N, C-alpha and C. Protein backbone atom coordinates (compact mmCIF):
# COMPACT_ATOMS: atom_id res chain seq x y z
N MET A 1 4.48 27.89 31.69
CA MET A 1 2.94 27.87 31.98
C MET A 1 2.64 26.98 33.10
N VAL A 2 1.78 27.38 34.03
CA VAL A 2 1.53 26.61 35.13
C VAL A 2 0.68 25.44 34.74
N SER A 3 1.13 24.12 35.39
CA SER A 3 0.15 23.01 35.16
C SER A 3 -0.35 22.68 36.38
N VAL A 4 -1.50 21.90 36.41
CA VAL A 4 -2.15 21.39 37.65
C VAL A 4 -2.18 20.05 37.43
N LEU A 5 -1.54 19.23 38.47
CA LEU A 5 -1.30 17.82 38.60
C LEU A 5 -2.23 17.37 39.72
N VAL A 6 -3.02 16.27 39.62
CA VAL A 6 -3.99 15.97 40.54
C VAL A 6 -3.67 14.63 40.81
N ASP A 7 -3.24 14.15 42.23
CA ASP A 7 -3.10 12.95 42.73
C ASP A 7 -4.44 12.30 42.74
N ALA A 8 -5.03 11.81 41.69
CA ALA A 8 -6.41 11.47 41.36
C ALA A 8 -6.78 10.16 42.01
N ASP A 9 -6.02 9.23 42.65
CA ASP A 9 -6.56 8.15 43.40
C ASP A 9 -7.23 8.48 44.64
N GLY A 10 -8.55 8.36 44.61
CA GLY A 10 -9.65 8.59 45.59
C GLY A 10 -9.72 10.15 45.82
N CYS A 11 -9.48 10.94 44.87
CA CYS A 11 -9.55 12.47 45.09
C CYS A 11 -11.09 12.95 44.77
N PRO A 12 -11.84 13.35 45.82
CA PRO A 12 -13.18 13.67 45.58
C PRO A 12 -13.40 15.05 44.70
N VAL A 13 -12.34 15.69 44.54
CA VAL A 13 -12.66 17.01 43.73
C VAL A 13 -11.90 17.15 42.39
N VAL A 14 -11.91 16.00 41.67
CA VAL A 14 -11.37 15.87 40.33
C VAL A 14 -12.10 16.73 39.38
N ASP A 15 -13.47 16.64 39.29
CA ASP A 15 -14.20 17.46 38.31
C ASP A 15 -14.24 18.85 38.63
N LEU A 16 -14.29 19.33 39.97
CA LEU A 16 -14.21 20.70 40.42
C LEU A 16 -12.86 21.27 40.10
N THR A 17 -11.76 20.50 40.22
CA THR A 17 -10.41 20.99 39.99
C THR A 17 -10.51 21.19 38.42
N ILE A 18 -10.83 20.33 37.74
CA ILE A 18 -10.79 20.64 36.21
C ILE A 18 -11.75 22.08 35.86
N ALA A 19 -12.89 22.09 36.35
CA ALA A 19 -13.67 23.09 36.12
C ALA A 19 -12.90 24.45 36.39
N VAL A 20 -12.32 24.63 37.60
CA VAL A 20 -11.66 25.84 38.22
C VAL A 20 -10.49 25.98 37.28
N ALA A 21 -9.73 25.01 36.98
CA ALA A 21 -8.43 25.25 36.32
C ALA A 21 -8.76 25.75 34.79
N LYS A 22 -9.75 25.12 34.18
CA LYS A 22 -10.20 25.67 32.87
C LYS A 22 -10.43 27.22 32.76
N LYS A 23 -10.91 27.71 33.78
CA LYS A 23 -11.13 29.13 33.81
C LYS A 23 -9.78 30.01 33.81
N PHE A 24 -8.72 29.35 34.23
CA PHE A 24 -7.38 29.92 33.98
C PHE A 24 -6.66 29.41 33.10
N ASN A 25 -7.31 28.66 32.16
CA ASN A 25 -6.55 28.04 30.92
C ASN A 25 -5.23 27.23 31.35
N LEU A 26 -5.39 26.48 32.41
CA LEU A 26 -4.34 25.70 32.98
C LEU A 26 -4.36 24.34 32.39
N LYS A 27 -3.17 23.70 32.08
CA LYS A 27 -3.10 22.42 31.62
C LYS A 27 -3.44 21.51 33.05
N ILE A 28 -4.14 20.46 32.78
CA ILE A 28 -4.55 19.56 33.86
C ILE A 28 -4.16 18.09 33.68
N THR A 29 -3.48 17.57 34.56
CA THR A 29 -3.13 16.17 34.34
C THR A 29 -3.51 15.35 35.50
N LEU A 30 -4.09 14.33 35.40
CA LEU A 30 -4.76 13.37 36.40
C LEU A 30 -3.67 12.28 36.48
N LEU A 31 -3.15 11.87 37.56
CA LEU A 31 -2.38 10.80 37.75
C LEU A 31 -2.99 9.71 38.69
N CYS A 32 -2.99 8.56 38.24
CA CYS A 32 -3.67 7.44 38.98
C CYS A 32 -3.17 6.29 38.63
N ASP A 33 -3.32 5.20 39.45
CA ASP A 33 -2.66 3.79 39.22
C ASP A 33 -3.70 3.00 38.66
N THR A 34 -3.42 1.88 38.10
CA THR A 34 -4.35 0.95 37.39
C THR A 34 -5.59 0.56 38.13
N ALA A 35 -5.59 0.69 39.41
CA ALA A 35 -6.77 0.39 40.05
C ALA A 35 -7.74 1.56 40.07
N HIS A 36 -7.25 2.69 39.82
CA HIS A 36 -8.21 3.70 39.95
C HIS A 36 -8.20 4.72 38.53
N TYR A 37 -8.07 4.03 37.57
CA TYR A 37 -8.08 4.67 36.34
C TYR A 37 -9.26 5.56 36.02
N MET A 38 -9.06 6.71 35.44
CA MET A 38 -10.11 7.60 35.27
C MET A 38 -9.63 8.46 33.97
N GLN A 39 -10.74 8.95 33.31
CA GLN A 39 -10.41 9.76 32.17
C GLN A 39 -11.60 10.90 32.23
N ARG A 40 -11.17 12.18 32.02
CA ARG A 40 -11.98 13.23 32.03
C ARG A 40 -11.63 14.25 30.88
N GLU A 41 -12.82 14.66 30.20
CA GLU A 41 -12.60 15.72 29.19
C GLU A 41 -11.86 16.88 29.65
N GLY A 42 -10.90 17.37 28.85
CA GLY A 42 -10.15 18.58 29.28
C GLY A 42 -8.99 18.25 30.18
N ALA A 43 -8.64 17.07 30.38
CA ALA A 43 -7.54 16.67 31.15
C ALA A 43 -6.67 15.43 30.61
N GLU A 44 -5.43 15.57 30.76
CA GLU A 44 -4.59 14.42 30.32
C GLU A 44 -4.66 13.44 31.64
N THR A 45 -4.73 12.09 31.28
CA THR A 45 -4.47 11.00 32.36
C THR A 45 -3.22 10.35 32.10
N VAL A 46 -2.48 10.17 33.18
CA VAL A 46 -1.30 9.44 33.18
C VAL A 46 -1.54 8.27 34.26
N MET A 47 -1.63 7.02 33.63
CA MET A 47 -1.82 5.87 34.48
C MET A 47 -0.38 5.27 34.84
N VAL A 48 -0.19 4.92 36.06
CA VAL A 48 1.04 4.27 36.38
C VAL A 48 0.79 2.85 37.03
N SER A 49 1.76 2.22 37.27
CA SER A 49 1.58 0.73 37.81
C SER A 49 1.16 0.86 39.04
N LYS A 50 0.30 -0.17 39.70
CA LYS A 50 -0.27 -0.10 41.03
C LYS A 50 1.02 -0.40 42.02
N GLY A 51 1.04 0.36 43.00
CA GLY A 51 2.12 0.12 43.96
C GLY A 51 2.17 1.19 45.14
N ALA A 52 2.68 0.82 46.20
CA ALA A 52 2.81 1.97 47.09
C ALA A 52 3.55 3.16 46.66
N ASP A 53 2.95 4.25 46.89
CA ASP A 53 3.37 5.56 46.39
C ASP A 53 3.75 5.67 45.02
N ALA A 54 3.38 4.76 44.01
CA ALA A 54 3.87 4.91 42.63
C ALA A 54 3.36 6.18 42.02
N VAL A 55 2.33 6.48 42.29
CA VAL A 55 1.64 7.69 41.64
C VAL A 55 2.45 8.98 42.20
N ASP A 56 2.79 9.06 43.44
CA ASP A 56 3.45 9.91 44.14
C ASP A 56 4.78 10.24 43.55
N PHE A 57 5.47 9.15 43.21
CA PHE A 57 6.91 9.41 42.59
C PHE A 57 6.92 9.98 41.23
N VAL A 58 5.89 9.56 40.30
CA VAL A 58 5.76 9.95 39.11
C VAL A 58 5.33 11.39 39.09
N LEU A 59 4.38 11.79 39.91
CA LEU A 59 3.79 13.11 40.09
C LEU A 59 5.03 14.07 40.53
N VAL A 60 5.77 13.75 41.45
CA VAL A 60 6.96 14.72 41.88
C VAL A 60 7.93 14.80 40.88
N ASN A 61 8.15 13.85 40.10
CA ASN A 61 9.18 13.96 39.06
C ASN A 61 8.58 14.75 38.02
N ARG A 62 7.30 14.97 37.73
CA ARG A 62 6.78 15.93 36.60
C ARG A 62 6.60 17.28 37.20
N VAL A 63 6.51 17.62 38.47
CA VAL A 63 6.21 18.79 38.83
C VAL A 63 7.17 19.88 38.72
N LYS A 64 6.95 21.09 38.33
CA LYS A 64 8.03 22.18 38.00
C LYS A 64 7.59 23.28 39.09
N LYS A 65 8.54 24.02 39.22
CA LYS A 65 8.36 25.42 40.15
C LYS A 65 7.02 26.12 39.52
N GLY A 66 6.29 26.51 40.38
CA GLY A 66 5.07 27.20 40.18
C GLY A 66 3.83 26.36 39.86
N ASP A 67 3.99 24.92 39.54
CA ASP A 67 3.00 24.14 39.19
C ASP A 67 2.04 23.98 40.57
N ILE A 68 0.76 23.62 40.41
CA ILE A 68 -0.03 23.32 41.43
C ILE A 68 -0.46 21.94 41.71
N VAL A 69 -0.34 21.36 42.81
CA VAL A 69 -0.64 19.77 42.91
C VAL A 69 -1.85 19.73 44.00
N VAL A 70 -2.86 18.94 43.53
CA VAL A 70 -4.05 18.63 44.35
C VAL A 70 -3.77 17.36 45.06
N THR A 71 -3.65 17.11 46.36
CA THR A 71 -3.40 15.95 47.07
C THR A 71 -3.83 15.92 48.52
N GLN A 72 -4.11 14.73 48.94
CA GLN A 72 -4.39 14.63 50.42
C GLN A 72 -3.21 14.04 51.16
N ASP A 73 -2.10 13.71 50.47
CA ASP A 73 -0.88 13.12 51.04
C ASP A 73 0.22 14.22 51.35
N TYR A 74 0.43 14.35 52.75
CA TYR A 74 1.27 15.37 53.20
C TYR A 74 2.69 15.03 52.75
N GLY A 75 3.23 13.74 52.62
CA GLY A 75 4.61 13.54 52.26
C GLY A 75 4.62 14.03 50.80
N LEU A 76 3.71 13.75 49.91
CA LEU A 76 3.92 14.35 48.61
C LEU A 76 3.75 15.69 48.62
N ALA A 77 3.05 16.46 49.43
CA ALA A 77 2.88 17.78 49.48
C ALA A 77 4.31 18.43 49.88
N ALA A 78 5.06 17.85 50.76
CA ALA A 78 6.36 18.04 51.36
C ALA A 78 7.22 18.17 50.07
N MET A 79 7.23 17.21 49.30
CA MET A 79 8.14 17.11 48.13
C MET A 79 7.77 18.11 47.07
N VAL A 80 6.43 18.52 46.92
CA VAL A 80 6.15 19.55 45.88
C VAL A 80 6.68 20.88 46.51
N LEU A 81 6.55 21.19 47.74
CA LEU A 81 6.82 22.39 48.40
C LEU A 81 8.44 22.63 48.10
N ALA A 82 9.12 21.37 48.28
CA ALA A 82 10.64 21.35 48.23
C ALA A 82 11.05 21.71 46.76
N LYS A 83 10.16 21.33 45.81
CA LYS A 83 10.35 21.74 44.34
C LYS A 83 9.75 23.08 44.00
N GLN A 84 9.39 23.88 44.99
CA GLN A 84 8.79 25.13 44.71
C GLN A 84 7.47 25.23 43.93
N GLY A 85 6.80 24.07 44.22
CA GLY A 85 5.44 24.09 43.59
C GLY A 85 4.31 24.53 44.66
N PHE A 86 3.20 24.55 44.33
CA PHE A 86 2.12 24.87 45.25
C PHE A 86 1.43 23.48 45.46
N ALA A 87 0.79 23.41 46.77
CA ALA A 87 0.03 22.17 46.96
C ALA A 87 -1.24 22.50 47.76
N ILE A 88 -2.21 21.84 47.34
CA ILE A 88 -3.52 22.11 48.13
C ILE A 88 -4.33 20.69 48.50
N ASP A 89 -4.99 20.71 49.51
CA ASP A 89 -5.67 19.43 49.78
C ASP A 89 -7.15 19.60 49.27
N GLN A 90 -7.81 18.46 49.38
CA GLN A 90 -9.25 18.29 48.86
C GLN A 90 -10.35 19.26 49.60
N ASN A 91 -9.77 19.86 50.64
CA ASN A 91 -10.69 20.72 51.46
C ASN A 91 -10.53 22.18 51.26
N GLY A 92 -9.35 22.36 50.46
CA GLY A 92 -9.05 23.84 50.23
C GLY A 92 -7.94 24.38 51.02
N ARG A 93 -7.24 23.63 51.88
CA ARG A 93 -6.05 23.98 52.73
C ARG A 93 -4.92 23.96 51.91
N TRP A 94 -4.26 25.05 51.82
CA TRP A 94 -2.97 25.17 51.20
C TRP A 94 -1.91 24.52 52.05
N TYR A 95 -1.06 23.81 51.53
CA TYR A 95 0.19 23.23 52.23
C TYR A 95 1.27 24.36 52.13
N THR A 96 1.85 24.70 53.12
CA THR A 96 2.91 25.82 53.19
C THR A 96 4.08 25.35 54.03
N ALA A 97 5.15 26.06 53.93
CA ALA A 97 6.29 25.91 54.78
C ALA A 97 5.98 26.16 56.21
N GLU A 98 4.99 26.82 56.48
CA GLU A 98 4.52 27.01 57.85
C GLU A 98 3.83 25.96 58.53
N ASN A 99 3.08 25.05 57.77
CA ASN A 99 2.15 24.15 58.22
C ASN A 99 2.67 22.63 57.91
N ILE A 100 3.56 22.59 56.97
CA ILE A 100 3.91 21.11 56.63
C ILE A 100 4.56 20.26 57.59
N ASP A 101 5.37 20.88 58.43
CA ASP A 101 6.11 20.11 59.46
C ASP A 101 5.09 19.51 60.60
N GLN A 102 4.20 20.32 60.88
CA GLN A 102 3.23 19.94 61.85
C GLN A 102 2.32 18.89 61.20
N LEU A 103 2.01 19.04 60.09
CA LEU A 103 1.16 17.99 59.44
C LEU A 103 1.78 16.66 59.27
N LEU A 104 3.13 16.66 58.89
CA LEU A 104 4.00 15.55 58.87
C LEU A 104 4.24 14.70 60.25
N ASP A 105 4.39 15.57 61.39
CA ASP A 105 4.43 15.21 62.64
C ASP A 105 3.22 14.44 63.07
N SER A 106 1.95 14.99 62.68
CA SER A 106 0.61 14.50 63.03
C SER A 106 0.58 13.18 62.28
N ARG A 107 0.87 13.09 61.07
CA ARG A 107 0.89 11.77 60.30
C ARG A 107 1.84 10.73 61.02
N HIS A 108 3.00 11.22 61.31
CA HIS A 108 3.88 10.21 61.97
C HIS A 108 3.38 9.53 63.32
N MET A 109 2.85 10.69 64.17
CA MET A 109 2.07 10.11 65.45
C MET A 109 0.96 9.20 65.14
N SER A 110 0.14 9.44 64.30
CA SER A 110 -1.04 8.55 63.95
C SER A 110 -0.61 7.08 63.36
N LYS A 111 0.53 7.23 62.71
CA LYS A 111 1.04 5.85 62.10
C LYS A 111 1.62 5.06 63.49
N LYS A 112 2.23 5.60 64.34
CA LYS A 112 2.71 4.94 65.43
C LYS A 112 1.70 4.60 66.26
N ILE A 113 0.50 5.19 66.64
CA ILE A 113 -0.72 4.77 67.28
C ILE A 113 -1.29 3.59 66.76
N ARG A 114 -1.45 3.58 65.25
CA ARG A 114 -1.83 2.36 64.56
C ARG A 114 -0.94 1.09 64.60
N GLN A 115 0.28 1.42 64.69
CA GLN A 115 1.23 0.30 64.74
C GLN A 115 1.26 -0.35 66.08
N ALA A 116 0.88 0.44 67.08
CA ALA A 116 0.76 -0.08 68.28
C ALA A 116 -0.56 -0.75 68.61
N GLY A 117 -1.49 -0.81 67.68
CA GLY A 117 -2.73 -1.32 67.81
C GLY A 117 -3.87 -0.40 68.16
N GLY A 118 -3.54 0.78 68.25
CA GLY A 118 -4.60 1.68 68.54
C GLY A 118 -5.42 2.12 67.33
N ARG A 119 -6.61 2.66 67.62
CA ARG A 119 -7.61 3.01 66.37
C ARG A 119 -7.64 4.47 66.64
N LEU A 120 -7.87 5.09 65.40
CA LEU A 120 -8.15 6.60 65.11
C LEU A 120 -9.47 6.71 64.51
N LYS A 121 -10.06 7.66 64.87
CA LYS A 121 -11.32 8.07 64.13
C LYS A 121 -10.94 8.53 62.65
N GLY A 122 -11.74 7.91 61.72
CA GLY A 122 -11.55 8.32 60.30
C GLY A 122 -12.17 9.57 59.92
N PRO A 123 -11.98 10.04 58.74
CA PRO A 123 -12.54 11.35 58.29
C PRO A 123 -14.06 11.38 58.20
N ARG A 124 -14.79 12.46 58.54
CA ARG A 124 -16.10 12.56 58.56
C ARG A 124 -16.46 12.65 57.19
N LYS A 125 -17.83 12.42 56.86
CA LYS A 125 -18.53 12.26 55.53
C LYS A 125 -18.31 13.63 54.89
N ARG A 126 -18.01 13.74 53.51
CA ARG A 126 -17.73 14.90 52.78
C ARG A 126 -19.16 15.54 52.62
N GLN A 127 -19.16 16.86 52.99
CA GLN A 127 -20.23 17.74 52.87
C GLN A 127 -20.10 18.66 51.70
N LYS A 128 -21.24 19.35 51.24
CA LYS A 128 -21.12 20.30 50.10
C LYS A 128 -20.20 21.42 50.42
N GLU A 129 -20.33 21.81 51.85
CA GLU A 129 -19.38 23.06 52.15
C GLU A 129 -17.88 22.75 51.93
N ASP A 130 -17.45 21.26 51.97
CA ASP A 130 -16.09 20.98 51.78
C ASP A 130 -15.75 21.37 50.23
N ASN A 131 -16.68 21.06 49.36
CA ASN A 131 -16.43 21.31 47.96
C ASN A 131 -16.29 22.88 47.67
N GLU A 132 -17.14 23.66 48.41
CA GLU A 132 -17.22 25.14 48.31
C GLU A 132 -15.86 25.62 48.84
N LYS A 133 -15.41 25.15 50.03
CA LYS A 133 -14.15 25.41 50.51
C LYS A 133 -12.85 25.25 49.67
N PHE A 134 -13.03 24.10 48.98
CA PHE A 134 -12.07 23.67 48.07
C PHE A 134 -12.00 24.66 46.79
N GLU A 135 -13.25 24.90 46.30
CA GLU A 135 -13.32 25.75 45.15
C GLU A 135 -12.79 27.18 45.47
N ARG A 136 -13.10 27.74 46.49
CA ARG A 136 -12.63 29.11 46.94
C ARG A 136 -11.10 29.08 47.14
N GLY A 137 -10.50 27.98 47.86
CA GLY A 137 -9.03 27.97 48.17
C GLY A 137 -8.27 27.76 46.75
N PHE A 138 -8.87 26.77 45.86
CA PHE A 138 -8.13 26.56 44.72
C PHE A 138 -8.19 27.67 43.74
N THR A 139 -9.37 28.52 43.75
CA THR A 139 -9.48 29.66 42.82
C THR A 139 -8.33 30.64 43.26
N GLU A 140 -8.25 30.77 44.59
CA GLU A 140 -7.17 31.82 45.18
C GLU A 140 -5.80 31.31 44.75
N LEU A 141 -5.63 30.05 44.87
CA LEU A 141 -4.23 29.57 44.63
C LEU A 141 -3.92 29.57 43.10
N CYS A 142 -5.02 29.50 42.20
CA CYS A 142 -4.70 29.64 40.67
C CYS A 142 -4.35 31.09 40.56
N LYS A 143 -5.05 31.98 41.11
CA LYS A 143 -4.65 33.33 40.99
C LYS A 143 -3.41 33.74 41.25
N VAL A 144 -2.96 33.28 42.48
CA VAL A 144 -1.41 33.37 43.05
C VAL A 144 -0.45 32.76 42.00
N ALA A 145 -0.78 31.35 41.51
CA ALA A 145 0.21 30.92 40.77
C ALA A 145 0.43 31.37 39.32
N THR A 146 -0.68 32.00 38.83
CA THR A 146 -0.61 32.57 37.50
C THR A 146 -0.15 33.97 37.31
N LYS A 147 0.17 34.53 38.59
CA LYS A 147 0.45 36.08 38.63
C LYS A 147 1.95 36.02 37.85
N ASP A 148 2.07 37.15 37.07
CA ASP A 148 3.31 37.25 36.58
C ASP A 148 4.39 38.11 37.21
């Protein structure tokens, strides 16, 4: 059975993820650290100790082939793909073998700029359209993941 695992720390689409996953009768697990604890009806919550990447390591150890992971973290997405899972971001973009290397390179370059004292523009404010894009992308991903 396909499960949906949500990197729930700071995730703006937790409720939307649960609503869509329920339509497909998928098990939903929210993973968060002690600073971001949350509970939602219809989802299991796994709380981990606060720490850098603590949630990521617990999540990647739980993911199985064919599971879906909702995350904003490119590094976590790469590990999910390596385990033959599916990964999607909060804006409905699927992480794939075709785009993950470029995304990781972009993250690496941004980190180098910040370490050198440079500043980068942050993300824009979330819009209603972002939720609609996520819902469409996640619905399609659930269809693909649940095909027999």
